[in-house]
């Protein structure tokens, strides 16, 4: 058994599952089945959705504002890719670092009883690692659409709006002020991700809790940016300051400007290399350690493990090749069996030279890709 892994949790709110971790120790397939796929939503997903009536609108600084039907979207060339998705808050830090990421708006959530379940899930989330999955997505390239319907020269950011909306705290509820889930990217950053507008997952239409009928998927980017139930793409000439951009999925960064220290929230987009032990099997005098590894934009080159708390590192055997932006499996064999317990530290590295940090970077709350030790009890 892996002693320090926590059991997966599932949270229901609004009568649906809003958060579900996968069981890391049960990963045994390259593609995660839909009924086991991780879930993270902020609001109840739209009900009574009919694909035949769904519309996607291009608004703002486009040369021409356009309304697409799903048939219009599907008329573009289809692309199928295997893509790993990890929640931005997966493996987030323990409670001691939360204080730097508390905003006034988040404090108001504590006063809203309807948010307590979500908050408790968040509080339990410290050092949990099950918000990740691997799937086959089919859709169309977003920039194929932009090539035909371009945005204008003054566009600075592209905003993606989901149809899901609701109250995020008591103040919103009292004011009857709802917020859509929205995320934005600078244009030059968005180009490098080759984003997809997807309508299928694992060869079937998207399920309601995964964004049916249309969602954004960005290979190598954390899951918070993969807006579901996509209904609008808005080109804007200035920095977008939407509610979810200002209050969620961003880390506090500090820098000097004009002799003063400035603190601001910086959205977390790019995934880094990461790996985790998923299974340990003992047969006779041999222990086989299995794990998975994944990354952002740069391919995995190797995974190494340490069994002496980082003093030395040994290469693992990569058991498969990456397909697009998928996770991969690895194995390491121990022929000398310890008498009690052992701490295994896997560490992935990428072609661009990036490796997992050995320790959790200070003040980094979201996007934690530091080494995850697995404590194995030998029986």
Protein backbone atom coordinates (compact mmCIF):
# COMPACT_ATOMS: atom_id res chain seq x y z
CA UNK A 1 0.00 0.00 0.00
CA UNK A 2 0.93 3.65 -0.58
CA UNK A 3 0.60 5.05 2.90
CA UNK A 4 0.44 8.81 2.33
CA UNK A 5 -2.14 9.01 -0.50
CA UNK A 6 -5.57 10.33 0.49
CA UNK A 7 -8.78 8.65 -0.67
CA UNK A 8 -10.52 10.45 -3.54
CA UNK A 9 -13.42 12.74 -2.68
CA UNK A 10 -16.58 13.67 -4.56
CA UNK A 11 -18.64 16.77 -3.81
CA UNK A 12 -22.28 17.36 -4.77
CA UNK A 13 -23.88 20.79 -4.99
CA UNK A 14 -26.95 22.08 -6.85
CA UNK A 15 -28.00 18.42 -7.10
CA UNK A 16 -25.00 17.50 -9.29
CA UNK A 17 -21.35 16.51 -8.90
CA UNK A 18 -19.26 19.70 -8.99
CA UNK A 19 -15.95 18.12 -7.97
CA UNK A 20 -14.66 14.56 -8.34
CA UNK A 21 -11.15 13.20 -7.99
CA UNK A 22 -9.99 10.02 -9.65
CA UNK A 23 -8.43 7.23 -7.61
CA UNK A 24 -4.74 7.45 -8.51
CA UNK A 25 -4.07 3.92 -7.32
CA UNK A 26 -6.66 2.54 -9.78
CA UNK A 27 -5.22 4.13 -12.94
CA UNK A 28 -4.67 1.21 -15.31
CA UNK A 29 -5.78 2.59 -18.70
CA UNK A 30 -4.24 5.01 -21.15
CA UNK A 31 -7.60 6.75 -21.67
CA UNK A 32 -9.75 7.62 -18.66
CA UNK A 33 -13.35 6.35 -19.00
CA UNK A 34 -15.99 9.08 -18.87
CA UNK A 35 -17.61 7.69 -15.70
CA UNK A 36 -14.26 7.96 -13.87
CA UNK A 37 -13.07 11.24 -15.39
CA UNK A 38 -12.25 14.04 -12.96
CA UNK A 39 -14.85 16.82 -12.63
CA UNK A 40 -14.49 20.44 -11.50
CA UNK A 41 -17.31 22.93 -12.08
CA UNK A 42 -18.25 26.14 -10.26
CA UNK A 43 -21.96 26.25 -11.07
CA UNK A 44 -24.75 23.94 -12.10
CA UNK A 45 -24.32 23.07 -15.73
CA UNK A 46 -26.93 24.30 -18.23
CA UNK A 47 -30.02 22.08 -18.40
CA UNK A 48 -32.23 21.11 -21.35
CA UNK A 49 -29.41 21.74 -23.80
CA UNK A 50 -30.21 20.85 -27.40
CA UNK A 51 -27.25 20.64 -29.77
CA UNK A 52 -29.50 21.57 -32.69
CA UNK A 53 -30.32 24.89 -31.01
CA UNK A 54 -26.86 25.68 -29.59
CA UNK A 55 -25.13 28.84 -30.77
CA UNK A 56 -21.56 30.10 -30.51
CA UNK A 57 -21.14 33.86 -30.98
CA UNK A 58 -18.06 35.83 -32.00
CA UNK A 59 -18.36 39.30 -30.46
CA UNK A 60 -16.27 42.40 -29.86
CA UNK A 61 -13.28 43.32 -32.01
CA UNK A 62 -13.96 40.96 -34.89
CA UNK A 63 -14.15 42.24 -38.43
CA UNK A 64 -17.60 40.71 -38.47
CA UNK A 65 -19.68 39.43 -35.56
CA UNK A 66 -20.83 35.91 -36.35
CA UNK A 67 -23.28 33.41 -34.88
CA UNK A 68 -22.44 29.72 -35.46
CA UNK A 69 -24.65 26.68 -35.16
CA UNK A 70 -23.07 23.38 -34.21
CA UNK A 71 -23.35 22.32 -37.86
CA UNK A 72 -21.41 25.46 -38.85
CA UNK A 73 -18.65 24.58 -36.38
CA UNK A 74 -18.52 20.97 -37.50
CA UNK A 75 -18.13 22.09 -41.12
CA UNK A 76 -14.49 22.98 -40.37
CA UNK A 77 -11.81 20.26 -40.58
CA UNK A 78 -12.03 17.84 -37.66
CA UNK A 79 -9.00 17.18 -35.45
CA UNK A 80 -8.62 14.35 -32.92
CA UNK A 81 -5.99 14.51 -30.16
CA UNK A 82 -5.16 12.69 -26.94
CA UNK A 83 -4.93 15.37 -24.26
CA UNK A 84 -4.18 15.21 -20.56
CA UNK A 85 -6.12 17.63 -18.35
CA UNK A 86 -5.10 18.57 -14.82
CA UNK A 87 -7.03 20.90 -12.53
CA UNK A 88 -5.09 24.08 -11.74
CA UNK A 89 -5.62 23.42 -8.04
CA UNK A 90 -4.42 19.81 -8.13
CA UNK A 91 -1.73 19.21 -5.48
CA UNK A 92 -2.35 22.73 -4.19
CA UNK A 93 -0.52 23.78 -1.08
CA UNK A 94 -1.62 23.20 2.47
CA UNK A 95 -3.66 25.69 4.49
CA UNK A 96 -0.64 27.73 5.62
CA UNK A 97 -0.25 29.29 2.16
CA UNK A 98 -3.94 29.97 1.53
CA UNK A 99 -3.91 33.35 3.28
CA UNK A 100 -2.04 35.03 0.42
CA UNK A 101 -4.73 33.97 -2.04
CA UNK A 102 -7.72 35.11 0.00
CA UNK A 103 -9.55 38.03 -1.58
CA UNK A 104 -12.45 40.02 -0.15
CA UNK A 105 -14.75 38.29 -2.63
CA UNK A 106 -13.61 34.88 -1.38
CA UNK A 107 -14.21 35.89 2.23
CA UNK A 108 -17.79 36.73 1.28
CA UNK A 109 -18.21 33.10 0.16
CA UNK A 110 -17.90 32.06 3.81
CA UNK A 111 -21.12 33.94 4.56
CA UNK A 112 -23.08 32.05 1.89
CA UNK A 113 -24.31 28.63 3.15
CA UNK A 114 -24.78 27.40 -0.42
CA UNK A 115 -21.00 27.62 -0.92
CA UNK A 116 -19.97 25.68 2.19
CA UNK A 117 -19.72 22.30 0.46
CA UNK A 118 -17.45 23.74 -2.21
CA UNK A 119 -15.34 25.52 0.42
CA UNK A 120 -14.95 22.34 2.48
CA UNK A 121 -13.79 20.48 -0.62
CA UNK A 122 -11.23 23.21 -1.19
CA UNK A 123 -10.03 23.01 2.42
CA UNK A 124 -9.62 19.24 2.15
CA UNK A 125 -7.70 19.66 -1.07
CA UNK A 126 -4.27 20.41 0.37
CA UNK A 127 -1.74 17.89 -0.91
CA UNK A 128 -4.31 15.87 -2.87
CA UNK A 129 -3.42 14.72 -6.37
CA UNK A 130 -6.46 13.11 -8.04
CA UNK A 131 -7.73 15.99 -10.20
CA UNK A 132 -6.35 14.74 -13.52
CA UNK A 133 -7.44 12.58 -16.45
CA UNK A 134 -6.50 11.59 -19.99
CA UNK A 135 -8.97 11.66 -22.92
CA UNK A 136 -9.34 11.59 -26.69
CA UNK A 137 -10.92 14.86 -27.86
CA UNK A 138 -12.36 15.65 -31.28
CA UNK A 139 -13.11 19.15 -32.48
CA UNK A 140 -11.94 21.92 -34.79
CA UNK A 141 -8.97 24.24 -34.55
CA UNK A 142 -10.01 27.61 -33.21
CA UNK A 143 -7.59 29.47 -35.46
CA UNK A 144 -9.17 27.84 -38.52
CA UNK A 145 -12.29 29.78 -37.52
CA UNK A 146 -10.27 32.94 -36.83
CA UNK A 147 -8.60 32.68 -40.24
CA UNK A 148 -12.01 32.86 -41.86
CA UNK A 149 -13.50 35.34 -39.38
CA UNK A 150 -10.51 37.39 -38.14
CA UNK A 151 -10.34 39.75 -35.17
CA UNK A 152 -9.15 43.31 -35.73
CA UNK A 153 -5.67 44.72 -35.13
CA UNK A 154 -6.55 46.39 -31.81
CA UNK A 155 -7.46 43.05 -30.16
CA UNK A 156 -5.29 42.39 -27.09
CA UNK A 157 -7.08 39.45 -25.46
CA UNK A 158 -9.59 36.76 -26.35
CA UNK A 159 -12.27 36.00 -23.75
CA UNK A 160 -14.08 32.65 -23.57
CA UNK A 161 -17.49 32.62 -21.90
CA UNK A 162 -19.33 29.51 -20.76
CA UNK A 163 -23.10 29.36 -20.48
CA UNK A 164 -22.79 28.28 -16.84
CA UNK A 165 -23.40 31.10 -14.40
CA UNK A 166 -24.44 31.69 -10.81
CA UNK A 167 -23.76 33.38 -7.49
CA UNK A 168 -20.30 32.89 -6.05
CA UNK A 169 -20.91 34.57 -2.66
CA UNK A 170 -23.57 36.12 -0.46
CA UNK A 171 -23.08 39.62 -1.85
CA UNK A 172 -23.82 38.37 -5.37
CA UNK A 173 -26.91 36.58 -4.12
CA UNK A 174 -28.30 39.63 -2.30
CA UNK A 175 -27.67 41.84 -5.35
CA UNK A 176 -29.04 39.17 -7.71
CA UNK A 177 -25.71 39.50 -9.54
CA UNK A 178 -24.74 36.39 -11.48
CA UNK A 179 -21.38 35.72 -13.10
CA UNK A 180 -20.59 33.58 -16.12
CA UNK A 181 -17.49 31.43 -15.97
CA UNK A 182 -15.01 33.30 -18.19
CA UNK A 183 -11.29 33.03 -18.86
CA UNK A 184 -9.06 35.09 -21.16
CA UNK A 185 -5.70 34.91 -22.96
CA UNK A 186 -3.43 37.39 -24.63
CA UNK A 187 -3.56 36.86 -28.37
CA UNK A 188 0.15 36.06 -28.76
CA UNK A 189 -0.04 33.50 -25.93
CA UNK A 190 -3.15 31.82 -27.30
CA UNK A 191 -1.54 31.19 -30.69
CA UNK A 192 1.11 28.84 -29.27
CA UNK A 193 -1.46 26.50 -27.69
CA UNK A 194 -3.32 25.48 -30.86
CA UNK A 195 -6.68 25.49 -29.01
CA UNK A 196 -9.54 23.24 -30.07
CA UNK A 197 -13.30 23.72 -29.93
CA UNK A 198 -14.36 20.18 -29.02
CA UNK A 199 -17.66 18.34 -29.29
CA UNK A 200 -16.54 14.74 -28.67
CA UNK A 201 -14.70 12.98 -25.85
CA UNK A 202 -13.50 9.38 -26.18
CA UNK A 203 -15.40 8.99 -29.45
CA UNK A 204 -18.77 10.10 -28.08
CA UNK A 205 -20.58 13.44 -27.73
CA UNK A 206 -19.47 15.35 -24.64
CA UNK A 207 -21.40 14.51 -21.48
CA UNK A 208 -23.33 17.35 -19.75
CA UNK A 209 -20.80 17.69 -16.90
CA UNK A 210 -17.93 17.86 -19.40
CA UNK A 211 -19.30 20.74 -21.44
CA UNK A 212 -21.91 19.33 -23.87
CA UNK A 213 -22.26 20.34 -26.61
CA UNK A 214 -19.09 22.46 -26.98
CA UNK A 215 -16.01 23.19 -24.91
CA UNK A 216 -12.59 24.74 -25.24
CA UNK A 217 -9.57 22.41 -24.95
CA UNK A 218 -6.01 23.75 -24.80
CA UNK A 219 -3.20 21.15 -24.95
CA UNK A 220 -0.58 21.73 -22.26
CA UNK A 221 -2.71 24.21 -20.31
CA UNK A 222 -4.31 23.74 -16.88
CA UNK A 223 -7.94 22.67 -16.79
CA UNK A 224 -9.38 25.94 -15.43
CA UNK A 225 -8.85 27.48 -18.88
CA UNK A 226 -10.82 24.78 -20.74
CA UNK A 227 -14.12 26.66 -20.66
CA UNK A 228 -17.14 24.36 -20.94
CA UNK A 229 -20.57 25.00 -22.49
CA UNK A 230 -18.84 27.56 -24.67
CA UNK A 231 -21.32 30.16 -25.93
CA UNK A 232 -19.23 33.27 -26.69
CA UNK A 233 -15.75 34.21 -27.86
CA UNK A 234 -15.13 37.91 -27.29
CA UNK A 235 -12.19 39.88 -28.71
CA UNK A 236 -11.29 42.82 -26.46
CA UNK A 237 -8.82 45.74 -26.92
CA UNK A 238 -7.68 45.88 -23.25
CA UNK A 239 -6.80 43.56 -20.40
CA UNK A 240 -9.88 41.58 -19.38
CA UNK A 241 -10.77 41.88 -15.69
CA UNK A 242 -13.59 39.41 -15.31
CA UNK A 243 -14.63 38.07 -11.93
CA UNK A 244 -13.03 34.66 -12.37
CA UNK A 245 -9.83 36.13 -13.79
CA UNK A 246 -9.44 38.39 -10.76
CA UNK A 247 -10.39 35.91 -8.04
CA UNK A 248 -9.51 32.37 -9.17
CA UNK A 249 -6.66 30.31 -10.58
CA UNK A 250 -3.97 32.93 -10.18
CA UNK A 251 -0.88 33.16 -7.97
CA UNK A 252 0.36 36.19 -6.09
CA UNK A 253 3.47 37.62 -7.75
CA UNK A 254 5.60 40.41 -6.30
CA UNK A 255 7.88 42.74 -8.26
CA UNK A 256 9.48 46.17 -8.00
CA UNK A 257 8.22 49.14 -10.01
CA UNK A 258 9.35 52.75 -9.59
CA UNK A 259 11.01 51.86 -6.29
CA UNK A 260 7.89 50.23 -4.86
CA UNK A 261 7.06 46.56 -4.35
CA UNK A 262 3.91 45.61 -6.24
CA UNK A 263 1.75 42.55 -5.61
CA UNK A 264 -0.68 41.29 -8.19
CA UNK A 265 -2.48 38.12 -9.21
CA UNK A 266 -1.03 36.34 -12.26
CA UNK A 267 -3.20 33.70 -14.00
CA UNK A 268 -1.71 30.20 -14.11
CA UNK A 269 -1.81 28.75 -17.62
CA UNK A 270 1.14 26.51 -18.57
CA UNK A 271 1.51 23.08 -17.03
CA UNK A 272 5.00 21.91 -16.09
CA UNK A 273 6.38 18.35 -16.06
CA UNK A 274 4.92 16.19 -13.30
CA UNK A 275 4.83 12.54 -12.27
CA UNK A 276 3.32 10.33 -9.62
CA UNK A 277 3.51 6.73 -8.39
CA UNK A 278 0.25 4.88 -9.11
CA UNK A 279 0.96 1.27 -8.16
CA UNK A 280 3.57 -0.89 -6.43
CA UNK A 281 3.65 -4.66 -6.97
CA UNK A 282 5.81 -7.13 -5.06
CA UNK A 283 6.64 -10.54 -6.50
CA UNK A 284 9.16 -12.66 -4.67
CA UNK A 285 12.27 -10.58 -4.17
CA UNK A 286 11.34 -7.95 -6.77
CA UNK A 287 9.27 -4.77 -6.38
CA UNK A 288 7.92 -3.09 -9.52
CA UNK A 289 6.98 0.57 -9.13
CA UNK A 290 4.61 1.99 -11.75
CA UNK A 291 3.71 5.61 -12.38
CA UNK A 292 2.48 8.18 -14.86
CA UNK A 293 4.07 11.40 -16.08
CA UNK A 294 2.65 14.37 -17.97
CA UNK A 295 3.70 17.84 -19.08
CA UNK A 296 2.81 21.18 -20.62
CA UNK A 297 4.09 22.24 -24.05
CA UNK A 298 7.43 20.40 -24.11
CA UNK A 299 7.63 16.56 -24.48
CA UNK A 300 8.73 14.32 -21.59
CA UNK A 301 12.27 13.01 -22.11
CA UNK A 302 12.72 10.92 -18.96
CA UNK A 303 11.46 10.14 -15.48
CA UNK A 304 13.90 9.45 -12.67
CA UNK A 305 13.26 8.16 -9.17
CA UNK A 306 15.06 8.56 -5.88
CA UNK A 307 14.70 6.19 -2.95
CA UNK A 308 17.18 8.03 -0.70
CA UNK A 309 15.29 11.35 -0.36
CA UNK A 310 16.91 12.98 -3.36
CA UNK A 311 20.57 12.09 -2.78
CA UNK A 312 20.75 9.99 -5.95
CA UNK A 313 18.49 9.44 -8.96
CA UNK A 314 17.90 6.44 -11.24
CA UNK A 315 16.26 6.39 -14.65
CA UNK A 316 12.95 4.62 -15.05
CA UNK A 317 11.74 2.64 -18.06
CA UNK A 318 9.20 4.59 -20.13
CA UNK A 319 6.53 2.07 -21.09
CA UNK A 320 4.91 3.98 -23.94
CA UNK A 321 5.33 7.02 -26.14
CA UNK A 322 3.35 10.21 -25.84
CA UNK A 323 0.43 10.64 -28.20
CA UNK A 324 -0.12 14.37 -28.69
CA UNK A 325 -0.33 15.73 -25.10
CA UNK A 326 -1.12 12.48 -23.30
CA UNK A 327 0.27 11.16 -20.06
CA UNK A 328 2.73 8.25 -20.26
CA UNK A 329 3.42 5.24 -18.04
CA UNK A 330 6.79 4.37 -16.49
CA UNK A 331 8.26 1.55 -14.39
CA UNK A 332 11.15 1.20 -11.97
CA UNK A 333 12.27 -2.18 -10.58
CA UNK A 334 13.74 -2.68 -7.11
CA UNK A 335 15.63 -5.93 -6.66
CA UNK A 336 16.69 -5.17 -3.09
CA UNK A 337 13.61 -5.16 -0.87
CA UNK A 338 13.66 -2.86 2.18
CA UNK A 339 12.67 -4.26 5.54
CA UNK A 340 9.94 -1.74 6.44
CA UNK A 341 9.01 1.33 4.40
CA UNK A 342 10.49 3.31 1.56
CA UNK A 343 9.91 6.81 0.19
CA UNK A 344 9.84 6.96 -3.61
CA UNK A 345 10.33 10.36 -5.30
CA UNK A 346 9.59 10.40 -9.05
CA UNK A 347 10.78 13.38 -11.10
CA UNK A 348 9.89 14.10 -14.73
CA UNK A 349 11.95 16.18 -17.16
CA UNK A 350 11.12 17.75 -20.53
CA UNK A 351 12.88 18.37 -23.81
CA UNK A 352 13.17 22.11 -23.01
CA UNK A 353 15.30 21.30 -19.95
CA UNK A 354 12.56 21.86 -17.39
CA UNK A 355 12.33 19.39 -14.47
CA UNK A 356 10.01 19.11 -11.51
CA UNK A 357 11.14 21.24 -8.56
CA UNK A 358 12.18 19.12 -5.59
CA UNK A 359 10.22 21.28 -3.17
CA UNK A 360 7.00 23.21 -3.42
CA UNK A 361 7.98 26.73 -4.57
CA UNK A 362 7.33 29.31 -1.87
CA UNK A 363 4.00 31.14 -2.12
CA UNK A 364 2.97 29.14 -5.20
CA UNK A 365 -0.56 27.95 -4.57
CA UNK A 366 -1.94 27.00 -7.98
CA UNK A 367 -0.03 25.05 -10.61
CA UNK A 368 2.10 23.07 -8.18
CA UNK A 369 4.24 20.54 -10.08
CA UNK A 370 6.82 19.77 -7.39
CA UNK A 371 7.96 16.20 -6.67
CA UNK A 372 5.29 14.05 -4.99
CA UNK A 373 6.79 11.47 -2.60
CA UNK A 374 5.06 8.09 -2.24
CA UNK A 375 5.61 6.26 1.06
CA UNK A 376 5.46 2.51 0.51
CA UNK A 377 4.86 0.04 3.33
CA UNK A 378 6.54 -3.28 2.54
CA UNK A 379 4.72 -6.36 3.77
